[in-house]
Amino acid sequence: MNSLKIKKNDKVVVLSGKDKGKTGKVLGTVPSEAKVVVEGINMVTCHIKPRKQGEEGGIVKREAAIYASKVQVVCPKCDKGTRVAYKVTDGKKVRVCKKCGAEL
């Protein structure tokens, strides 16, 4: 089982691909595939078919999953992309910034 260091609602920066350099909030994770869905990143066009009578179909743009290795968590203190380290405080495992040591 893959354990992701990126969680829902984290602010992340994209490291590679067509959206390189952009930042966004993580909307969801797919740990089994090691992927994350980021707000405004990796937009794809979906053709929606009307399922019920009176419902509208059409072309919709939405976010697709991106590999977690292509994004990096942004530290709220130093405001830079950083790797995630873990520290045990008061018997709890806490994610911390590798650069400045602030909690994520």
N, C-alpha and C. Protein backbone atom coordinates (compact mmCIF):
# COMPACT_ATOMS: atom_id res chain seq x y z
N MET A 1 0.83 -1.19 0.00
CA MET A 1 0.00 0.00 0.00
C MET A 1 0.87 1.24 0.00
N ASN A 2 0.53 2.19 -0.86
CA ASN A 2 1.27 3.45 -0.93
C ASN A 2 0.74 4.42 0.09
N SER A 3 1.63 5.07 0.82
CA SER A 3 1.18 6.12 1.73
C SER A 3 1.66 7.45 1.16
N LEU A 4 0.72 8.36 0.96
CA LEU A 4 1.06 9.66 0.39
C LEU A 4 1.42 10.64 1.49
N LYS A 5 2.39 11.49 1.21
CA LYS A 5 2.76 12.54 2.16
C LYS A 5 1.94 13.80 1.90
N ILE A 6 1.13 13.76 0.86
CA ILE A 6 0.27 14.89 0.50
C ILE A 6 -1.15 14.58 0.93
N LYS A 7 -1.78 15.52 1.61
CA LYS A 7 -3.13 15.32 2.14
C LYS A 7 -4.10 16.30 1.48
N LYS A 8 -5.40 16.03 1.66
CA LYS A 8 -6.45 16.91 1.16
C LYS A 8 -6.31 18.28 1.80
N ASN A 9 -6.58 19.34 1.04
CA ASN A 9 -6.51 20.75 1.45
C ASN A 9 -5.09 21.29 1.58
N ASP A 10 -4.05 20.50 1.23
CA ASP A 10 -2.67 21.02 1.20
C ASP A 10 -2.52 21.97 0.02
N LYS A 11 -1.65 22.96 0.16
CA LYS A 11 -1.30 23.83 -0.96
C LYS A 11 -0.06 23.21 -1.59
N VAL A 12 -0.10 22.97 -2.90
CA VAL A 12 1.02 22.31 -3.58
C VAL A 12 1.45 23.10 -4.81
N VAL A 13 2.70 22.88 -5.23
CA VAL A 13 3.24 23.48 -6.45
C VAL A 13 3.58 22.34 -7.41
N VAL A 14 3.31 22.55 -8.71
CA VAL A 14 3.56 21.52 -9.72
C VAL A 14 5.01 21.63 -10.18
N LEU A 15 5.72 20.50 -10.21
CA LEU A 15 7.14 20.47 -10.54
C LEU A 15 7.42 20.23 -12.02
N SER A 16 6.53 19.51 -12.72
CA SER A 16 6.79 19.20 -14.13
C SER A 16 5.48 19.07 -14.90
N GLY A 17 5.60 19.14 -16.23
CA GLY A 17 4.44 18.98 -17.08
C GLY A 17 3.93 20.32 -17.60
N LYS A 18 2.74 20.31 -18.21
CA LYS A 18 2.20 21.51 -18.84
C LYS A 18 1.83 22.60 -17.84
N ASP A 19 1.60 22.22 -16.58
CA ASP A 19 1.21 23.19 -15.55
C ASP A 19 2.36 23.51 -14.59
N LYS A 20 3.60 23.31 -15.03
CA LYS A 20 4.78 23.52 -14.18
C LYS A 20 4.80 24.93 -13.59
N GLY A 21 5.03 24.99 -12.26
CA GLY A 21 5.13 26.29 -11.58
C GLY A 21 3.83 26.77 -10.98
N LYS A 22 2.70 26.20 -11.39
CA LYS A 22 1.39 26.62 -10.87
C LYS A 22 1.16 26.03 -9.48
N THR A 23 0.40 26.76 -8.67
CA THR A 23 0.06 26.25 -7.34
C THR A 23 -1.45 26.06 -7.24
N GLY A 24 -1.86 25.19 -6.36
CA GLY A 24 -3.28 24.93 -6.16
C GLY A 24 -3.51 24.11 -4.91
N LYS A 25 -4.80 23.99 -4.55
CA LYS A 25 -5.19 23.24 -3.36
C LYS A 25 -5.55 21.82 -3.76
N VAL A 26 -5.15 20.85 -2.94
CA VAL A 26 -5.47 19.44 -3.22
C VAL A 26 -6.94 19.19 -2.90
N LEU A 27 -7.69 18.74 -3.90
CA LEU A 27 -9.12 18.46 -3.73
C LEU A 27 -9.36 17.03 -3.26
N GLY A 28 -8.45 16.13 -3.62
CA GLY A 28 -8.59 14.73 -3.22
C GLY A 28 -7.35 13.94 -3.56
N THR A 29 -7.25 12.75 -2.98
CA THR A 29 -6.11 11.87 -3.25
C THR A 29 -6.58 10.49 -3.66
N VAL A 30 -5.73 9.80 -4.44
CA VAL A 30 -5.99 8.42 -4.84
C VAL A 30 -4.75 7.62 -4.45
N PRO A 31 -4.64 7.20 -3.16
CA PRO A 31 -3.43 6.53 -2.68
C PRO A 31 -3.08 5.24 -3.41
N SER A 32 -4.09 4.51 -3.88
CA SER A 32 -3.83 3.24 -4.57
C SER A 32 -3.07 3.46 -5.88
N GLU A 33 -3.26 4.62 -6.51
CA GLU A 33 -2.58 4.94 -7.77
C GLU A 33 -1.48 5.97 -7.57
N ALA A 34 -1.26 6.42 -6.33
CA ALA A 34 -0.27 7.46 -5.99
C ALA A 34 -0.53 8.74 -6.78
N LYS A 35 -1.80 9.16 -6.83
CA LYS A 35 -2.19 10.36 -7.56
C LYS A 35 -2.96 11.32 -6.67
N VAL A 36 -2.96 12.59 -7.06
CA VAL A 36 -3.73 13.63 -6.37
C VAL A 36 -4.49 14.46 -7.39
N VAL A 37 -5.61 15.04 -6.95
CA VAL A 37 -6.39 15.95 -7.80
C VAL A 37 -6.19 17.35 -7.23
N VAL A 38 -5.67 18.27 -8.07
CA VAL A 38 -5.35 19.62 -7.63
C VAL A 38 -6.24 20.62 -8.35
N GLU A 39 -6.74 21.59 -7.60
CA GLU A 39 -7.65 22.62 -8.11
C GLU A 39 -6.99 23.43 -9.22
N GLY A 40 -7.60 23.44 -10.41
CA GLY A 40 -7.12 24.23 -11.54
C GLY A 40 -5.93 23.65 -12.28
N ILE A 41 -5.49 22.45 -11.92
CA ILE A 41 -4.32 21.81 -12.54
C ILE A 41 -4.77 20.58 -13.33
N ASN A 42 -4.13 20.34 -14.49
CA ASN A 42 -4.41 19.18 -15.34
C ASN A 42 -5.89 19.15 -15.76
N MET A 43 -6.36 20.27 -16.32
CA MET A 43 -7.75 20.38 -16.75
C MET A 43 -7.97 19.55 -18.01
N VAL A 44 -9.05 18.77 -18.00
CA VAL A 44 -9.42 17.94 -19.15
C VAL A 44 -10.86 18.27 -19.55
N THR A 45 -11.18 17.99 -20.82
CA THR A 45 -12.51 18.24 -21.34
C THR A 45 -13.32 16.95 -21.30
N CYS A 46 -14.47 17.00 -20.65
CA CYS A 46 -15.34 15.83 -20.57
C CYS A 46 -16.64 16.10 -21.30
N HIS A 47 -17.07 15.16 -22.11
CA HIS A 47 -18.34 15.28 -22.82
C HIS A 47 -19.41 14.59 -21.98
N ILE A 48 -20.32 15.37 -21.44
CA ILE A 48 -21.35 14.86 -20.54
C ILE A 48 -22.63 14.59 -21.32
N LYS A 49 -23.16 13.38 -21.15
CA LYS A 49 -24.41 12.99 -21.81
C LYS A 49 -25.55 13.19 -20.82
N PRO A 50 -26.66 13.78 -21.26
CA PRO A 50 -27.79 13.95 -20.34
C PRO A 50 -28.35 12.59 -19.92
N ARG A 51 -28.47 12.35 -18.62
CA ARG A 51 -28.94 11.06 -18.11
C ARG A 51 -30.45 11.06 -17.86
N LYS A 52 -30.99 12.17 -17.36
CA LYS A 52 -32.43 12.26 -17.10
C LYS A 52 -33.07 13.21 -18.10
N GLN A 53 -34.39 13.10 -18.24
CA GLN A 53 -35.09 14.01 -19.13
C GLN A 53 -35.06 15.41 -18.53
N GLY A 54 -34.72 16.39 -19.35
CA GLY A 54 -34.64 17.76 -18.89
C GLY A 54 -33.24 18.14 -18.41
N GLU A 55 -32.38 17.15 -18.17
CA GLU A 55 -31.01 17.42 -17.75
C GLU A 55 -30.19 17.82 -18.96
N GLU A 56 -29.25 18.74 -18.75
CA GLU A 56 -28.44 19.23 -19.87
C GLU A 56 -27.15 18.45 -19.99
N GLY A 57 -26.75 18.19 -21.22
CA GLY A 57 -25.46 17.59 -21.50
C GLY A 57 -24.52 18.71 -21.91
N GLY A 58 -23.39 18.35 -22.46
CA GLY A 58 -22.48 19.37 -22.95
C GLY A 58 -21.03 19.03 -22.68
N ILE A 59 -20.19 20.04 -22.90
CA ILE A 59 -18.75 19.87 -22.72
C ILE A 59 -18.36 20.59 -21.45
N VAL A 60 -17.71 19.86 -20.54
CA VAL A 60 -17.34 20.39 -19.23
C VAL A 60 -15.84 20.24 -19.02
N LYS A 61 -15.21 21.27 -18.45
CA LYS A 61 -13.79 21.19 -18.10
C LYS A 61 -13.69 20.85 -16.62
N ARG A 62 -12.83 19.86 -16.28
CA ARG A 62 -12.63 19.51 -14.88
C ARG A 62 -11.20 19.01 -14.65
N GLU A 63 -10.84 18.92 -13.36
CA GLU A 63 -9.49 18.49 -13.01
C GLU A 63 -9.36 16.98 -13.10
N ALA A 64 -8.22 16.53 -13.62
CA ALA A 64 -7.92 15.11 -13.65
C ALA A 64 -6.79 14.85 -12.66
N ALA A 65 -6.64 13.59 -12.25
CA ALA A 65 -5.60 13.23 -11.28
C ALA A 65 -4.21 13.39 -11.90
N ILE A 66 -3.25 13.76 -11.07
CA ILE A 66 -1.85 13.93 -11.48
C ILE A 66 -0.99 13.12 -10.50
N TYR A 67 0.12 12.58 -10.97
CA TYR A 67 0.98 11.80 -10.08
C TYR A 67 1.49 12.66 -8.92
N ALA A 68 1.46 12.10 -7.72
CA ALA A 68 1.88 12.82 -6.51
C ALA A 68 3.35 13.19 -6.56
N SER A 69 4.15 12.45 -7.31
CA SER A 69 5.58 12.74 -7.41
C SER A 69 5.84 14.02 -8.22
N LYS A 70 4.83 14.49 -8.95
CA LYS A 70 4.97 15.70 -9.76
C LYS A 70 4.60 16.97 -9.00
N VAL A 71 4.14 16.81 -7.76
CA VAL A 71 3.78 17.99 -6.96
C VAL A 71 4.56 17.99 -5.64
N GLN A 72 4.69 19.18 -5.06
CA GLN A 72 5.43 19.34 -3.82
C GLN A 72 4.62 20.24 -2.90
N VAL A 73 4.57 19.90 -1.62
CA VAL A 73 3.83 20.68 -0.64
C VAL A 73 4.49 22.04 -0.46
N VAL A 74 3.67 23.10 -0.38
CA VAL A 74 4.18 24.45 -0.13
C VAL A 74 4.10 24.72 1.36
N CYS A 75 5.23 25.09 1.96
CA CYS A 75 5.29 25.39 3.39
C CYS A 75 4.61 26.73 3.66
N PRO A 76 3.70 26.81 4.64
CA PRO A 76 3.03 28.08 4.91
C PRO A 76 3.96 29.14 5.52
N LYS A 77 5.04 28.71 6.16
CA LYS A 77 5.96 29.66 6.79
C LYS A 77 6.95 30.26 5.79
N CYS A 78 7.70 29.38 5.08
CA CYS A 78 8.71 29.90 4.14
C CYS A 78 8.16 30.09 2.72
N ASP A 79 6.90 29.67 2.47
CA ASP A 79 6.19 29.86 1.20
C ASP A 79 6.96 29.32 -0.01
N LYS A 80 7.61 28.17 0.17
CA LYS A 80 8.35 27.51 -0.90
C LYS A 80 7.93 26.04 -0.96
N GLY A 81 8.14 25.43 -2.12
CA GLY A 81 7.90 24.00 -2.25
C GLY A 81 8.93 23.25 -1.41
N THR A 82 8.50 22.27 -0.65
CA THR A 82 9.41 21.56 0.24
C THR A 82 9.05 20.09 0.32
N ARG A 83 10.03 19.29 0.73
CA ARG A 83 9.77 17.89 1.01
C ARG A 83 9.18 17.79 2.40
N VAL A 84 8.53 16.67 2.67
CA VAL A 84 7.85 16.49 3.95
C VAL A 84 8.68 15.57 4.84
N ALA A 85 8.92 16.01 6.07
CA ALA A 85 9.59 15.19 7.07
C ALA A 85 8.57 14.92 8.17
N TYR A 86 8.87 13.95 9.03
CA TYR A 86 7.97 13.63 10.13
C TYR A 86 8.70 13.80 11.45
N LYS A 87 7.98 14.31 12.46
CA LYS A 87 8.54 14.48 13.79
C LYS A 87 7.49 14.01 14.78
N VAL A 88 7.93 13.33 15.84
CA VAL A 88 6.99 12.86 16.86
C VAL A 88 6.98 13.88 18.01
N THR A 89 5.80 14.50 18.23
CA THR A 89 5.64 15.45 19.33
C THR A 89 4.43 15.04 20.15
N ASP A 90 4.61 14.90 21.47
CA ASP A 90 3.54 14.48 22.39
C ASP A 90 2.91 13.15 21.96
N GLY A 91 3.71 12.24 21.43
CA GLY A 91 3.21 10.93 21.02
C GLY A 91 2.44 10.94 19.71
N LYS A 92 2.42 12.08 19.00
CA LYS A 92 1.75 12.17 17.71
C LYS A 92 2.76 12.42 16.61
N LYS A 93 2.55 11.76 15.47
CA LYS A 93 3.42 11.94 14.32
C LYS A 93 2.94 13.17 13.55
N VAL A 94 3.82 14.15 13.36
CA VAL A 94 3.44 15.43 12.74
C VAL A 94 4.30 15.66 11.50
N ARG A 95 3.68 16.16 10.43
CA ARG A 95 4.41 16.50 9.21
C ARG A 95 5.08 17.86 9.40
N VAL A 96 6.36 17.95 9.02
CA VAL A 96 7.09 19.21 9.14
C VAL A 96 7.85 19.52 7.84
N CYS A 97 8.17 20.80 7.65
CA CYS A 97 8.92 21.28 6.49
C CYS A 97 10.39 20.87 6.63
N LYS A 98 10.99 20.33 5.57
CA LYS A 98 12.40 19.94 5.61
C LYS A 98 13.31 21.16 5.66
N LYS A 99 12.85 22.31 5.11
CA LYS A 99 13.70 23.50 5.02
C LYS A 99 13.73 24.30 6.31
N CYS A 100 12.53 24.60 6.88
CA CYS A 100 12.50 25.48 8.06
C CYS A 100 12.01 24.79 9.32
N GLY A 101 11.45 23.58 9.20
CA GLY A 101 11.00 22.83 10.39
C GLY A 101 9.61 23.19 10.87
N ALA A 102 8.88 24.05 10.13
CA ALA A 102 7.53 24.44 10.54
C ALA A 102 6.55 23.29 10.31
N GLU A 103 5.48 23.24 11.10
CA GLU A 103 4.46 22.22 10.93
C GLU A 103 3.66 22.48 9.66
N LEU A 104 3.30 21.38 8.98
CA LEU A 104 2.49 21.52 7.76
C LEU A 104 1.04 21.18 8.06
